[in-house]
Amino acid sequence: MISVKDEKLLKRFGENLRNIRLSRELTQEQLAFNADIAISQIGRIERGEINATISTVSALANALEIEINDLFNFKKN
């Protein structure tokens, strides 16, 4: 079986999420509450441990009051 999990991409996505969250002066707990997502999931996404679903990405963007594509506005490398 071929693995499609791109660990570098997940880490960069998580770093970008963290940077946006911090620029909005939100804690992980506040973001989790606003997005109706478990706080542990926010941490795992920010650390690049899990691959967020499209629905989760949408909820995060809504909670951060940004466009979805802003969460993907980073260099892969």
N, C-alpha and C. Protein backbone atom coordinates (compact mmCIF):
# COMPACT_ATOMS: atom_id res chain seq x y z
N MET A 1 0.84 -1.18 0.00
CA MET A 1 0.00 0.00 0.00
C MET A 1 0.89 1.24 0.00
N ILE A 2 0.54 2.21 -0.82
CA ILE A 2 1.31 3.45 -0.92
C ILE A 2 0.74 4.46 0.08
N SER A 3 1.61 5.07 0.83
CA SER A 3 1.19 6.08 1.81
C SER A 3 1.14 7.44 1.13
N VAL A 4 0.03 8.15 1.29
CA VAL A 4 -0.11 9.48 0.69
C VAL A 4 0.06 10.58 1.73
N LYS A 5 0.39 10.21 2.95
CA LYS A 5 0.57 11.20 4.01
C LYS A 5 1.89 11.94 3.79
N ASP A 6 1.79 13.23 3.63
CA ASP A 6 2.96 14.09 3.41
C ASP A 6 3.24 14.82 4.73
N GLU A 7 4.17 14.30 5.50
CA GLU A 7 4.43 14.84 6.83
C GLU A 7 4.92 16.28 6.81
N LYS A 8 5.75 16.63 5.82
CA LYS A 8 6.24 18.01 5.72
C LYS A 8 5.08 18.96 5.45
N LEU A 9 4.19 18.56 4.58
CA LEU A 9 3.03 19.39 4.26
C LEU A 9 2.14 19.57 5.48
N LEU A 10 1.91 18.51 6.21
CA LEU A 10 1.07 18.61 7.41
C LEU A 10 1.70 19.53 8.45
N LYS A 11 3.01 19.45 8.60
CA LYS A 11 3.70 20.32 9.56
C LYS A 11 3.62 21.78 9.14
N ARG A 12 3.80 22.06 7.86
CA ARG A 12 3.73 23.44 7.37
C ARG A 12 2.31 23.99 7.53
N PHE A 13 1.30 23.16 7.24
CA PHE A 13 -0.09 23.57 7.43
C PHE A 13 -0.32 23.92 8.90
N GLY A 14 0.15 23.05 9.78
CA GLY A 14 -0.01 23.27 11.22
C GLY A 14 0.70 24.53 11.69
N GLU A 15 1.90 24.76 11.19
CA GLU A 15 2.64 25.97 11.56
C GLU A 15 1.89 27.22 11.08
N ASN A 16 1.34 27.15 9.88
CA ASN A 16 0.58 28.27 9.35
C ASN A 16 -0.67 28.52 10.18
N LEU A 17 -1.37 27.46 10.53
CA LEU A 17 -2.55 27.58 11.40
C LEU A 17 -2.16 28.25 12.72
N ARG A 18 -1.09 27.77 13.33
CA ARG A 18 -0.63 28.34 14.60
C ARG A 18 -0.30 29.83 14.46
N ASN A 19 0.41 30.18 13.39
CA ASN A 19 0.77 31.59 13.17
C ASN A 19 -0.46 32.47 13.01
N ILE A 20 -1.43 31.99 12.25
CA ILE A 20 -2.67 32.77 12.07
C ILE A 20 -3.41 32.88 13.40
N ARG A 21 -3.50 31.78 14.13
CA ARG A 21 -4.20 31.79 15.43
C ARG A 21 -3.55 32.79 16.37
N LEU A 22 -2.22 32.76 16.44
CA LEU A 22 -1.51 33.66 17.33
C LEU A 22 -1.63 35.11 16.88
N SER A 23 -1.65 35.35 15.57
CA SER A 23 -1.81 36.72 15.08
C SER A 23 -3.18 37.28 15.44
N ARG A 24 -4.14 36.40 15.67
CA ARG A 24 -5.47 36.81 16.09
C ARG A 24 -5.60 36.81 17.62
N GLU A 25 -4.48 36.51 18.28
CA GLU A 25 -4.40 36.48 19.75
C GLU A 25 -5.43 35.53 20.36
N LEU A 26 -5.51 34.34 19.74
CA LEU A 26 -6.41 33.29 20.25
C LEU A 26 -5.59 32.16 20.84
N THR A 27 -6.09 31.58 21.90
CA THR A 27 -5.50 30.36 22.43
C THR A 27 -6.05 29.17 21.65
N GLN A 28 -5.42 28.03 21.82
CA GLN A 28 -5.95 26.82 21.19
C GLN A 28 -7.36 26.56 21.71
N GLU A 29 -7.57 26.80 22.98
CA GLU A 29 -8.88 26.56 23.59
C GLU A 29 -9.95 27.47 22.97
N GLN A 30 -9.62 28.73 22.76
CA GLN A 30 -10.58 29.66 22.16
C GLN A 30 -10.90 29.25 20.73
N LEU A 31 -9.87 28.89 19.96
CA LEU A 31 -10.09 28.46 18.58
C LEU A 31 -10.94 27.19 18.56
N ALA A 32 -10.64 26.26 19.41
CA ALA A 32 -11.41 25.01 19.47
C ALA A 32 -12.88 25.30 19.77
N PHE A 33 -13.13 26.18 20.72
CA PHE A 33 -14.50 26.54 21.08
C PHE A 33 -15.21 27.20 19.90
N ASN A 34 -14.54 28.17 19.29
CA ASN A 34 -15.14 28.91 18.17
C ASN A 34 -15.41 28.02 16.95
N ALA A 35 -14.56 27.02 16.75
CA ALA A 35 -14.70 26.11 15.60
C ALA A 35 -15.51 24.87 15.94
N ASP A 36 -15.87 24.71 17.21
CA ASP A 36 -16.58 23.52 17.69
C ASP A 36 -15.80 22.24 17.37
N ILE A 37 -14.50 22.31 17.72
CA ILE A 37 -13.57 21.20 17.50
C ILE A 37 -12.89 20.91 18.84
N ALA A 38 -12.57 19.66 19.09
CA ALA A 38 -11.88 19.31 20.33
C ALA A 38 -10.52 20.01 20.40
N ILE A 39 -10.19 20.53 21.58
CA ILE A 39 -8.91 21.23 21.74
C ILE A 39 -7.74 20.32 21.42
N SER A 40 -7.85 19.05 21.74
CA SER A 40 -6.75 18.12 21.43
C SER A 40 -6.53 18.01 19.92
N GLN A 41 -7.60 18.16 19.15
CA GLN A 41 -7.47 18.09 17.69
C GLN A 41 -6.72 19.32 17.17
N ILE A 42 -6.97 20.48 17.75
CA ILE A 42 -6.25 21.69 17.34
C ILE A 42 -4.75 21.46 17.54
N GLY A 43 -4.37 20.96 18.68
CA GLY A 43 -2.96 20.69 18.97
C GLY A 43 -2.35 19.70 18.00
N ARG A 44 -3.07 18.65 17.70
CA ARG A 44 -2.55 17.63 16.76
C ARG A 44 -2.40 18.20 15.36
N ILE A 45 -3.34 19.05 14.95
CA ILE A 45 -3.23 19.67 13.62
C ILE A 45 -2.03 20.61 13.60
N GLU A 46 -1.88 21.44 14.63
CA GLU A 46 -0.77 22.38 14.67
C GLU A 46 0.59 21.69 14.71
N ARG A 47 0.65 20.52 15.30
CA ARG A 47 1.92 19.77 15.34
C ARG A 47 2.13 18.93 14.09
N GLY A 48 1.16 18.90 13.19
CA GLY A 48 1.28 18.13 11.96
C GLY A 48 1.11 16.64 12.17
N GLU A 49 0.42 16.26 13.21
CA GLU A 49 0.24 14.84 13.52
C GLU A 49 -0.93 14.22 12.78
N ILE A 50 -1.92 15.04 12.42
CA ILE A 50 -3.09 14.50 11.74
C ILE A 50 -3.39 15.32 10.50
N ASN A 51 -4.11 14.71 9.60
CA ASN A 51 -4.53 15.34 8.36
C ASN A 51 -5.96 15.83 8.55
N ALA A 52 -6.13 17.15 8.62
CA ALA A 52 -7.46 17.73 8.86
C ALA A 52 -8.38 17.48 7.67
N THR A 53 -9.64 17.22 7.95
CA THR A 53 -10.63 17.04 6.89
C THR A 53 -11.01 18.40 6.29
N ILE A 54 -11.65 18.35 5.16
CA ILE A 54 -12.13 19.58 4.53
C ILE A 54 -13.11 20.29 5.45
N SER A 55 -13.97 19.55 6.10
CA SER A 55 -14.94 20.15 7.02
C SER A 55 -14.25 20.83 8.19
N THR A 56 -13.19 20.22 8.70
CA THR A 56 -12.44 20.81 9.80
C THR A 56 -11.73 22.08 9.35
N VAL A 57 -11.13 22.05 8.17
CA VAL A 57 -10.45 23.24 7.64
C VAL A 57 -11.46 24.37 7.46
N SER A 58 -12.63 24.06 6.98
CA SER A 58 -13.68 25.07 6.82
C SER A 58 -14.08 25.66 8.16
N ALA A 59 -14.26 24.82 9.16
CA ALA A 59 -14.63 25.29 10.50
C ALA A 59 -13.52 26.17 11.09
N LEU A 60 -12.27 25.81 10.87
CA LEU A 60 -11.15 26.61 11.36
C LEU A 60 -11.13 27.97 10.68
N ALA A 61 -11.31 27.99 9.37
CA ALA A 61 -11.31 29.25 8.63
C ALA A 61 -12.44 30.15 9.11
N ASN A 62 -13.62 29.58 9.30
CA ASN A 62 -14.76 30.36 9.79
C ASN A 62 -14.47 30.92 11.18
N ALA A 63 -13.91 30.10 12.04
CA ALA A 63 -13.62 30.55 13.41
C ALA A 63 -12.55 31.64 13.43
N LEU A 64 -11.61 31.57 12.49
CA LEU A 64 -10.55 32.57 12.41
C LEU A 64 -10.96 33.79 11.58
N GLU A 65 -12.14 33.70 10.96
CA GLU A 65 -12.68 34.77 10.10
C GLU A 65 -11.73 35.08 8.95
N ILE A 66 -11.30 34.00 8.28
CA ILE A 66 -10.42 34.10 7.12
C ILE A 66 -10.98 33.22 6.01
N GLU A 67 -10.41 33.37 4.83
CA GLU A 67 -10.77 32.50 3.71
C GLU A 67 -10.04 31.16 3.88
N ILE A 68 -10.64 30.10 3.41
CA ILE A 68 -10.03 28.77 3.51
C ILE A 68 -8.63 28.77 2.88
N ASN A 69 -8.48 29.42 1.73
CA ASN A 69 -7.19 29.39 1.05
C ASN A 69 -6.09 30.05 1.87
N ASP A 70 -6.44 30.93 2.82
CA ASP A 70 -5.42 31.53 3.69
C ASP A 70 -4.71 30.47 4.54
N LEU A 71 -5.40 29.40 4.87
CA LEU A 71 -4.79 28.33 5.65
C LEU A 71 -3.76 27.54 4.82
N PHE A 72 -3.87 27.65 3.50
CA PHE A 72 -2.94 26.94 2.62
C PHE A 72 -1.93 27.88 1.98
N ASN A 73 -1.87 29.09 2.45
CA ASN A 73 -0.95 30.09 1.89
C ASN A 73 0.42 29.99 2.56
N PHE A 74 1.16 28.96 2.18
CA PHE A 74 2.51 28.72 2.72
C PHE A 74 3.30 27.92 1.69
N LYS A 75 4.59 27.95 1.84
CA LYS A 75 5.45 27.15 0.96
C LYS A 75 5.55 25.74 1.50
N LYS A 76 5.46 24.78 0.62
CA LYS A 76 5.52 23.37 1.04
C LYS A 76 6.87 23.02 1.64
N ASN A 77 7.95 23.51 1.08
CA ASN A 77 9.28 23.15 1.57
C ASN A 77 9.61 24.00 2.70
